[in-house]
């Protein structure tokens, strides 16, 4: 988080735009990689996480598309929309990077983290968990823990910028509760009601609106 703050501060001083989605994605990646591999895998100043982010975004995008093969099993081998091929290609890209990190750890083995525990378990009982399992588990953690976090933060920042009054309330709350220039700690979140409320506000259920999005429907009615 300190790296993220330093990066945003530097962009402010140099007049460069901050890509919130990319910055949040890289921060999430480094938080996960520090826990699993005991190292940061991306450098925010070098934009080194873009390839990883592009691959994750492509996987989630393709996975969310309607797939004809889901409705017509006979088409699964043909893959008419190329969804399986695209997802597989991007999975391979991510797995290659994870394999490199695991190979580095096998050579060093001087850290005690999630990966070290998994590797020790694999050595003790290869039938319970092998390298293939470890690679896929790390892949699942990275995909699940990065894309949704960065998208949520990017959406929240856009919403608060669209509502200057809410932004002023949030700034005033930070100045009053935390103090100007101080860092917000996890324990402080409970004392920030405006920030907590904005996480749940203005998130309407899509079923409340018709196809034009102009009128609100009542549950249980036809019009």
C-alpha atoms as a PDB file:
ATOM      1  CA  UNK A   1       0.000   0.000   0.000  1.00  0.00           C
ATOM      2  CA  UNK A   2       2.896   2.336   0.704  1.00  0.00           C
ATOM      3  CA  UNK A   3       4.179   1.709  -2.820  1.00  0.00           C
ATOM      4  CA  UNK A   4       0.742   2.583  -4.221  1.00  0.00           C
ATOM      5  CA  UNK A   5       0.604   5.811  -2.228  1.00  0.00           C
ATOM      6  CA  UNK A   6       4.138   6.730  -3.307  1.00  0.00           C
ATOM      7  CA  UNK A   7       3.268   6.022  -6.944  1.00  0.00           C
ATOM      8  CA  UNK A   8       0.121   8.211  -6.809  1.00  0.00           C
ATOM      9  CA  UNK A   9       2.073  10.974  -5.078  1.00  0.00           C
ATOM     10  CA  UNK A  10       4.759  10.885  -7.763  1.00  0.00           C
ATOM     11  CA  UNK A  11       2.124  11.064 -10.531  1.00  0.00           C
ATOM     12  CA  UNK A  12       0.598  14.064  -8.765  1.00  0.00           C
ATOM     13  CA  UNK A  13       3.943  15.839  -8.642  1.00  0.00           C
ATOM     14  CA  UNK A  14       4.786  15.112 -12.279  1.00  0.00           C
ATOM     15  CA  UNK A  15       1.272  15.808 -13.582  1.00  0.00           C
ATOM     16  CA  UNK A  16       0.816  12.266 -14.951  1.00  0.00           C
ATOM     17  CA  UNK A  17      -2.605  10.609 -14.981  1.00  0.00           C
ATOM     18  CA  UNK A  18      -3.097   7.677 -12.599  1.00  0.00           C
ATOM     19  CA  UNK A  19      -4.693   4.589 -14.090  1.00  0.00           C
ATOM     20  CA  UNK A  20      -6.674   3.568 -11.001  1.00  0.00           C
ATOM     21  CA  UNK A  21      -7.628   0.152 -12.362  1.00  0.00           C
ATOM     22  CA  UNK A  22      -4.059  -0.731 -13.297  1.00  0.00           C
ATOM     23  CA  UNK A  23      -2.604   0.650 -10.065  1.00  0.00           C
ATOM     24  CA  UNK A  24      -5.133  -1.278  -7.945  1.00  0.00           C
ATOM     25  CA  UNK A  25      -4.514  -4.443  -9.951  1.00  0.00           C
ATOM     26  CA  UNK A  26      -0.743  -4.221  -9.466  1.00  0.00           C
ATOM     27  CA  UNK A  27      -1.164  -3.534  -5.741  1.00  0.00           C
ATOM     28  CA  UNK A  28      -3.450  -6.565  -5.354  1.00  0.00           C
ATOM     29  CA  UNK A  29      -0.967  -8.684  -7.277  1.00  0.00           C
ATOM     30  CA  UNK A  30       1.907  -7.632  -5.054  1.00  0.00           C
ATOM     31  CA  UNK A  31      -0.141  -8.216  -1.892  1.00  0.00           C
ATOM     32  CA  UNK A  32      -0.902 -11.759  -3.049  1.00  0.00           C
ATOM     33  CA  UNK A  33       2.596 -12.465  -4.343  1.00  0.00           C
ATOM     34  CA  UNK A  34       4.133 -11.239  -1.073  1.00  0.00           C
ATOM     35  CA  UNK A  35       1.942 -13.708   0.807  1.00  0.00           C
ATOM     36  CA  UNK A  36       2.495 -16.626  -1.566  1.00  0.00           C
ATOM     37  CA  UNK A  37       6.006 -16.051  -2.951  1.00  0.00           C
ATOM     38  CA  UNK A  38       7.518 -13.519  -0.489  1.00  0.00           C
ATOM     39  CA  UNK A  39       8.262 -11.090  -3.326  1.00  0.00           C
ATOM     40  CA  UNK A  40       6.622  -8.397  -5.446  1.00  0.00           C
ATOM     41  CA  UNK A  41       6.018  -9.578  -9.000  1.00  0.00           C
ATOM     42  CA  UNK A  42       5.278  -6.201 -10.596  1.00  0.00           C
ATOM     43  CA  UNK A  43       6.848  -2.756 -10.513  1.00  0.00           C
ATOM     44  CA  UNK A  44       4.232   0.050 -10.681  1.00  0.00           C
ATOM     45  CA  UNK A  45       6.792   2.463 -12.124  1.00  0.00           C
ATOM     46  CA  UNK A  46       7.638   0.115 -14.997  1.00  0.00           C
ATOM     47  CA  UNK A  47       4.014  -0.901 -15.752  1.00  0.00           C
ATOM     48  CA  UNK A  48       5.234  -4.492 -15.614  1.00  0.00           C
ATOM     49  CA  UNK A  49       1.860  -5.936 -14.584  1.00  0.00           C
ATOM     50  CA  UNK A  50       0.018  -4.942 -17.748  1.00  0.00           C
ATOM     51  CA  UNK A  51       0.565  -8.260 -19.529  1.00  0.00           C
ATOM     52  CA  UNK A  52      -0.689 -10.208 -16.510  1.00  0.00           C
ATOM     53  CA  UNK A  53      -3.715  -7.903 -16.170  1.00  0.00           C
ATOM     54  CA  UNK A  54      -4.548  -8.180 -19.872  1.00  0.00           C
ATOM     55  CA  UNK A  55      -4.490 -11.975 -19.632  1.00  0.00           C
ATOM     56  CA  UNK A  56      -6.725 -12.029 -16.525  1.00  0.00           C
ATOM     57  CA  UNK A  57      -9.172  -9.552 -18.094  1.00  0.00           C
ATOM     58  CA  UNK A  58      -9.331 -11.612 -21.263  1.00  0.00           C
ATOM     59  CA  UNK A  59     -10.086 -14.771 -19.301  1.00  0.00           C
ATOM     60  CA  UNK A  60     -12.906 -13.162 -17.309  1.00  0.00           C
ATOM     61  CA  UNK A  61     -14.277 -11.488 -20.431  1.00  0.00           C
ATOM     62  CA  UNK A  62     -14.382 -14.711 -22.431  1.00  0.00           C
ATOM     63  CA  UNK A  63     -15.744 -16.727 -19.490  1.00  0.00           C
ATOM     64  CA  UNK A  64     -18.661 -14.292 -19.210  1.00  0.00           C
ATOM     65  CA  UNK A  65     -19.714 -14.565 -22.848  1.00  0.00           C
ATOM     66  CA  UNK A  66     -22.707 -16.715 -23.841  1.00  0.00           C
ATOM     67  CA  UNK A  67     -21.211 -19.914 -25.231  1.00  0.00           C
ATOM     68  CA  UNK A  68     -23.132 -21.952 -27.784  1.00  0.00           C
ATOM     69  CA  UNK A  69     -21.257 -25.059 -26.644  1.00  0.00           C
ATOM     70  CA  UNK A  70     -22.965 -24.773 -23.240  1.00  0.00           C
ATOM     71  CA  UNK A  71     -26.354 -25.209 -24.926  1.00  0.00           C
ATOM     72  CA  UNK A  72     -25.292 -27.621 -27.656  1.00  0.00           C
ATOM     73  CA  UNK A  73     -22.734 -30.104 -26.237  1.00  0.00           C
ATOM     74  CA  UNK A  74     -21.979 -31.414 -29.727  1.00  0.00           C
ATOM     75  CA  UNK A  75     -20.222 -28.095 -30.445  1.00  0.00           C
ATOM     76  CA  UNK A  76     -17.741 -28.412 -27.577  1.00  0.00           C
ATOM     77  CA  UNK A  77     -15.076 -30.084 -29.712  1.00  0.00           C
ATOM     78  CA  UNK A  78     -15.529 -27.529 -32.478  1.00  0.00           C
ATOM     79  CA  UNK A  79     -15.500 -24.495 -30.146  1.00  0.00           C
ATOM     80  CA  UNK A  80     -17.227 -22.326 -32.799  1.00  0.00           C
ATOM     81  CA  UNK A  81     -16.691 -19.027 -30.949  1.00  0.00           C
ATOM     82  CA  UNK A  82     -13.077 -19.767 -30.030  1.00  0.00           C
ATOM     83  CA  UNK A  83     -13.769 -19.123 -26.339  1.00  0.00           C
ATOM     84  CA  UNK A  84     -11.996 -22.236 -25.090  1.00  0.00           C
ATOM     85  CA  UNK A  85      -8.956 -21.571 -27.282  1.00  0.00           C
ATOM     86  CA  UNK A  86      -8.704 -17.952 -26.120  1.00  0.00           C
ATOM     87  CA  UNK A  87      -9.064 -18.853 -22.429  1.00  0.00           C
ATOM     88  CA  UNK A  88      -6.550 -21.678 -22.758  1.00  0.00           C
ATOM     89  CA  UNK A  89      -4.025 -19.407 -24.457  1.00  0.00           C
ATOM     90  CA  UNK A  90      -4.227 -16.835 -21.667  1.00  0.00           C
ATOM     91  CA  UNK A  91      -4.149 -19.512 -18.959  1.00  0.00           C
ATOM     92  CA  UNK A  92      -0.880 -20.745 -20.462  1.00  0.00           C
ATOM     93  CA  UNK A  93       0.588 -17.223 -20.284  1.00  0.00           C
ATOM     94  CA  UNK A  94      -0.218 -16.947 -16.585  1.00  0.00           C
ATOM     95  CA  UNK A  95       0.975 -20.458 -15.796  1.00  0.00           C
ATOM     96  CA  UNK A  96       4.333 -19.760 -17.437  1.00  0.00           C
ATOM     97  CA  UNK A  97       4.923 -16.852 -15.055  1.00  0.00           C
ATOM     98  CA  UNK A  98       3.865 -18.918 -12.034  1.00  0.00           C
ATOM     99  CA  UNK A  99       6.143 -21.790 -13.114  1.00  0.00           C
ATOM    100  CA  UNK A 100       9.107 -19.407 -13.171  1.00  0.00           C
ATOM    101  CA  UNK A 101       8.348 -18.264  -9.601  1.00  0.00           C
ATOM    102  CA  UNK A 102       8.049 -21.859  -8.390  1.00  0.00           C
ATOM    103  CA  UNK A 103      11.329 -22.837 -10.088  1.00  0.00           C
ATOM    104  CA  UNK A 104      13.072 -19.927  -8.368  1.00  0.00           C
ATOM    105  CA  UNK A 105      11.745 -21.068  -5.007  1.00  0.00           C
ATOM    106  CA  UNK A 106      12.835 -24.667  -5.550  1.00  0.00           C
ATOM    107  CA  UNK A 107      16.384 -23.397  -6.064  1.00  0.00           C
ATOM    108  CA  UNK A 108      16.408 -21.131  -3.010  1.00  0.00           C
ATOM    109  CA  UNK A 109      13.972 -22.492  -0.378  1.00  0.00           C
ATOM    110  CA  UNK A 110      14.929 -19.741   2.078  1.00  0.00           C
ATOM    111  CA  UNK A 111      11.453 -18.342   2.810  1.00  0.00           C
ATOM    112  CA  UNK A 112       8.530 -19.501   4.916  1.00  0.00           C
ATOM    113  CA  UNK A 113       5.323 -18.582   3.111  1.00  0.00           C
ATOM    114  CA  UNK A 114       2.293 -20.190   1.453  1.00  0.00           C
ATOM    115  CA  UNK A 115       4.332 -21.612  -1.428  1.00  0.00           C
ATOM    116  CA  UNK A 116       6.910 -23.089   0.954  1.00  0.00           C
ATOM    117  CA  UNK A 117       4.163 -24.840   2.933  1.00  0.00           C
ATOM    118  CA  UNK A 118       2.613 -26.224  -0.257  1.00  0.00           C
ATOM    119  CA  UNK A 119       5.959 -27.497  -1.534  1.00  0.00           C
ATOM    120  CA  UNK A 120       6.737 -29.159   1.815  1.00  0.00           C
ATOM    121  CA  UNK A 121       3.321 -30.814   1.796  1.00  0.00           C
ATOM    122  CA  UNK A 122       3.945 -32.022  -1.746  1.00  0.00           C
ATOM    123  CA  UNK A 123       7.295 -33.555  -0.733  1.00  0.00           C
ATOM    124  CA  UNK A 124       5.739 -35.315   2.266  1.00  0.00           C
ATOM    125  CA  UNK A 125       2.698 -36.627   0.376  1.00  0.00           C
ATOM    126  CA  UNK A 126       3.022 -36.325  -3.444  1.00  0.00           C
ATOM    127  CA  UNK A 127      -0.286 -38.124  -3.973  1.00  0.00           C
ATOM    128  CA  UNK A 128      -2.207 -35.532  -1.956  1.00  0.00           C
ATOM    129  CA  UNK A 129      -0.835 -32.510  -3.807  1.00  0.00           C
ATOM    130  CA  UNK A 130       1.679 -32.261  -6.644  1.00  0.00           C
ATOM    131  CA  UNK A 131       3.244 -29.392  -8.576  1.00  0.00           C
ATOM    132  CA  UNK A 132       0.338 -29.279 -11.016  1.00  0.00           C
ATOM    133  CA  UNK A 133      -2.077 -28.706  -8.123  1.00  0.00           C
ATOM    134  CA  UNK A 134       0.144 -25.972  -6.680  1.00  0.00           C
ATOM    135  CA  UNK A 135       0.385 -24.126  -9.991  1.00  0.00           C
ATOM    136  CA  UNK A 136      -3.394 -24.198 -10.518  1.00  0.00           C
ATOM    137  CA  UNK A 137      -4.064 -23.125  -6.934  1.00  0.00           C
ATOM    138  CA  UNK A 138      -1.757 -20.114  -7.303  1.00  0.00           C
ATOM    139  CA  UNK A 139      -3.410 -19.284 -10.612  1.00  0.00           C
ATOM    140  CA  UNK A 140      -6.883 -19.397  -9.032  1.00  0.00           C
ATOM    141  CA  UNK A 141      -5.768 -17.139  -6.187  1.00  0.00           C
ATOM    142  CA  UNK A 142      -4.273 -14.556  -8.533  1.00  0.00           C
ATOM    143  CA  UNK A 143      -7.269 -14.446 -10.882  1.00  0.00           C
ATOM    144  CA  UNK A 144      -9.841 -14.331  -8.066  1.00  0.00           C
ATOM    145  CA  UNK A 145      -7.918 -11.833  -5.947  1.00  0.00           C
ATOM    146  CA  UNK A 146      -6.868  -9.236  -8.504  1.00  0.00           C
ATOM    147  CA  UNK A 147      -9.444  -8.542 -11.192  1.00  0.00           C
ATOM    148  CA  UNK A 148     -12.493  -8.087  -8.946  1.00  0.00           C
ATOM    149  CA  UNK A 149     -10.584  -5.910  -6.463  1.00  0.00           C
ATOM    150  CA  UNK A 150      -9.241  -3.544  -9.118  1.00  0.00           C
ATOM    151  CA  UNK A 151     -12.616  -3.321 -10.899  1.00  0.00           C
ATOM    152  CA  UNK A 152     -14.424  -2.530  -7.635  1.00  0.00           C
ATOM    153  CA  UNK A 153     -11.940   0.184  -6.673  1.00  0.00           C
ATOM    154  CA  UNK A 154     -12.037   1.705 -10.148  1.00  0.00           C
ATOM    155  CA  UNK A 155     -15.846   1.782 -10.057  1.00  0.00           C
ATOM    156  CA  UNK A 156     -15.845   3.334  -6.568  1.00  0.00           C
ATOM    157  CA  UNK A 157     -13.414   6.091  -7.616  1.00  0.00           C
ATOM    158  CA  UNK A 158     -15.498   6.929 -10.696  1.00  0.00           C
ATOM    159  CA  UNK A 159     -18.669   7.122  -8.614  1.00  0.00           C
ATOM    160  CA  UNK A 160     -17.138   9.382  -5.991  1.00  0.00           C
ATOM    161  CA  UNK A 161     -15.709  11.693  -8.690  1.00  0.00           C
ATOM    162  CA  UNK A 162     -19.190  11.971 -10.213  1.00  0.00           C
ATOM    163  CA  UNK A 163     -20.566  13.192  -6.877  1.00  0.00           C
ATOM    164  CA  UNK A 164     -18.462  16.134  -5.575  1.00  0.00           C
ATOM    165  CA  UNK A 165     -20.612  16.444  -2.450  1.00  0.00           C
ATOM    166  CA  UNK A 166     -19.808  12.877  -1.423  1.00  0.00           C
ATOM    167  CA  UNK A 167     -16.126  13.481  -2.139  1.00  0.00           C
ATOM    168  CA  UNK A 168     -16.142  16.506   0.164  1.00  0.00           C
ATOM    169  CA  UNK A 169     -17.812  14.473   2.914  1.00  0.00           C
ATOM    170  CA  UNK A 170     -15.214  11.725   2.509  1.00  0.00           C
ATOM    171  CA  UNK A 171     -12.342  14.240   2.680  1.00  0.00           C
ATOM    172  CA  UNK A 172     -13.820  15.909   5.756  1.00  0.00           C
ATOM    173  CA  UNK A 173     -14.263  12.542   7.460  1.00  0.00           C
ATOM    174  CA  UNK A 174     -10.632  11.587   6.797  1.00  0.00           C
ATOM    175  CA  UNK A 175      -9.388  14.936   8.112  1.00  0.00           C
ATOM    176  CA  UNK A 176     -11.509  14.666  11.255  1.00  0.00           C
ATOM    177  CA  UNK A 177     -11.005  10.984  12.116  1.00  0.00           C
ATOM    178  CA  UNK A 178      -7.532  10.220  10.762  1.00  0.00           C
ATOM    179  CA  UNK A 179      -5.866  13.604  10.499  1.00  0.00           C
ATOM    180  CA  UNK A 180      -4.334  15.356   7.525  1.00  0.00           C
ATOM    181  CA  UNK A 181      -1.339  13.586   6.019  1.00  0.00           C
ATOM    182  CA  UNK A 182      -1.761  10.397   8.063  1.00  0.00           C
ATOM    183  CA  UNK A 183      -2.197   6.894   6.667  1.00  0.00           C
ATOM    184  CA  UNK A 184      -5.520   5.053   7.090  1.00  0.00           C
ATOM    185  CA  UNK A 185      -5.026   1.741   8.895  1.00  0.00           C
ATOM    186  CA  UNK A 186      -7.353  -1.253   8.733  1.00  0.00           C
ATOM    187  CA  UNK A 187      -8.444  -0.642  12.318  1.00  0.00           C
ATOM    188  CA  UNK A 188      -9.647   2.852  11.320  1.00  0.00           C
ATOM    189  CA  UNK A 189     -12.236   1.621   8.792  1.00  0.00           C
ATOM    190  CA  UNK A 190     -14.926   1.090  11.442  1.00  0.00           C
ATOM    191  CA  UNK A 191     -14.622   4.786  12.343  1.00  0.00           C
ATOM    192  CA  UNK A 192     -15.250   5.933   8.751  1.00  0.00           C
ATOM    193  CA  UNK A 193     -19.035   5.595   8.203  1.00  0.00           C
ATOM    194  CA  UNK A 194     -19.116   7.662   4.999  1.00  0.00           C
ATOM    195  CA  UNK A 195     -16.501   5.455   3.337  1.00  0.00           C
ATOM    196  CA  UNK A 196     -18.219   2.271   4.512  1.00  0.00           C
ATOM    197  CA  UNK A 197     -21.670   3.396   3.363  1.00  0.00           C
ATOM    198  CA  UNK A 198     -20.448   4.277  -0.127  1.00  0.00           C
ATOM    199  CA  UNK A 199     -19.466   0.647  -0.638  1.00  0.00           C
ATOM    200  CA  UNK A 200     -23.117  -0.373  -0.473  1.00  0.00           C
ATOM    201  CA  UNK A 201     -24.847   2.694  -1.886  1.00  0.00           C
ATOM    202  CA  UNK A 202     -26.045   3.226  -5.452  1.00  0.00           C
ATOM    203  CA  UNK A 203     -25.833  -0.431  -6.459  1.00  0.00           C
ATOM    204  CA  UNK A 204     -29.290  -1.083  -7.919  1.00  0.00           C
ATOM    205  CA  UNK A 205     -30.470  -4.525  -8.933  1.00  0.00           C
ATOM    206  CA  UNK A 206     -30.609  -4.629 -12.745  1.00  0.00           C
ATOM    207  CA  UNK A 207     -33.988  -6.372 -12.586  1.00  0.00           C
ATOM    208  CA  UNK A 208     -35.537  -3.146 -11.282  1.00  0.00           C
ATOM    209  CA  UNK A 209     -35.209  -1.495 -14.689  1.00  0.00           C
ATOM    210  CA  UNK A 210     -36.703  -2.205 -18.092  1.00  0.00           C
ATOM    211  CA  UNK A 211     -34.592  -2.676 -21.212  1.00  0.00           C
ATOM    212  CA  UNK A 212     -34.389   1.095 -21.773  1.00  0.00           C
ATOM    213  CA  UNK A 213     -33.470   1.750 -18.146  1.00  0.00           C
ATOM    214  CA  UNK A 214     -35.978   4.603 -17.912  1.00  0.00           C
ATOM    215  CA  UNK A 215     -38.603   3.394 -15.452  1.00  0.00           C
ATOM    216  CA  UNK A 216     -38.528   1.452 -12.218  1.00  0.00           C
ATOM    217  CA  UNK A 217     -40.504  -1.787 -11.935  1.00  0.00           C
ATOM    218  CA  UNK A 218     -42.125  -3.149  -8.824  1.00  0.00           C
ATOM    219  CA  UNK A 219     -41.490  -6.723  -7.848  1.00  0.00           C
ATOM    220  CA  UNK A 220     -44.523  -8.866  -8.653  1.00  0.00           C
ATOM    221  CA  UNK A 221     -46.035  -6.548 -11.294  1.00  0.00           C
ATOM    222  CA  UNK A 222     -46.028  -6.722 -15.076  1.00  0.00           C
ATOM    223  CA  UNK A 223     -45.590  -3.004 -15.834  1.00  0.00           C
END
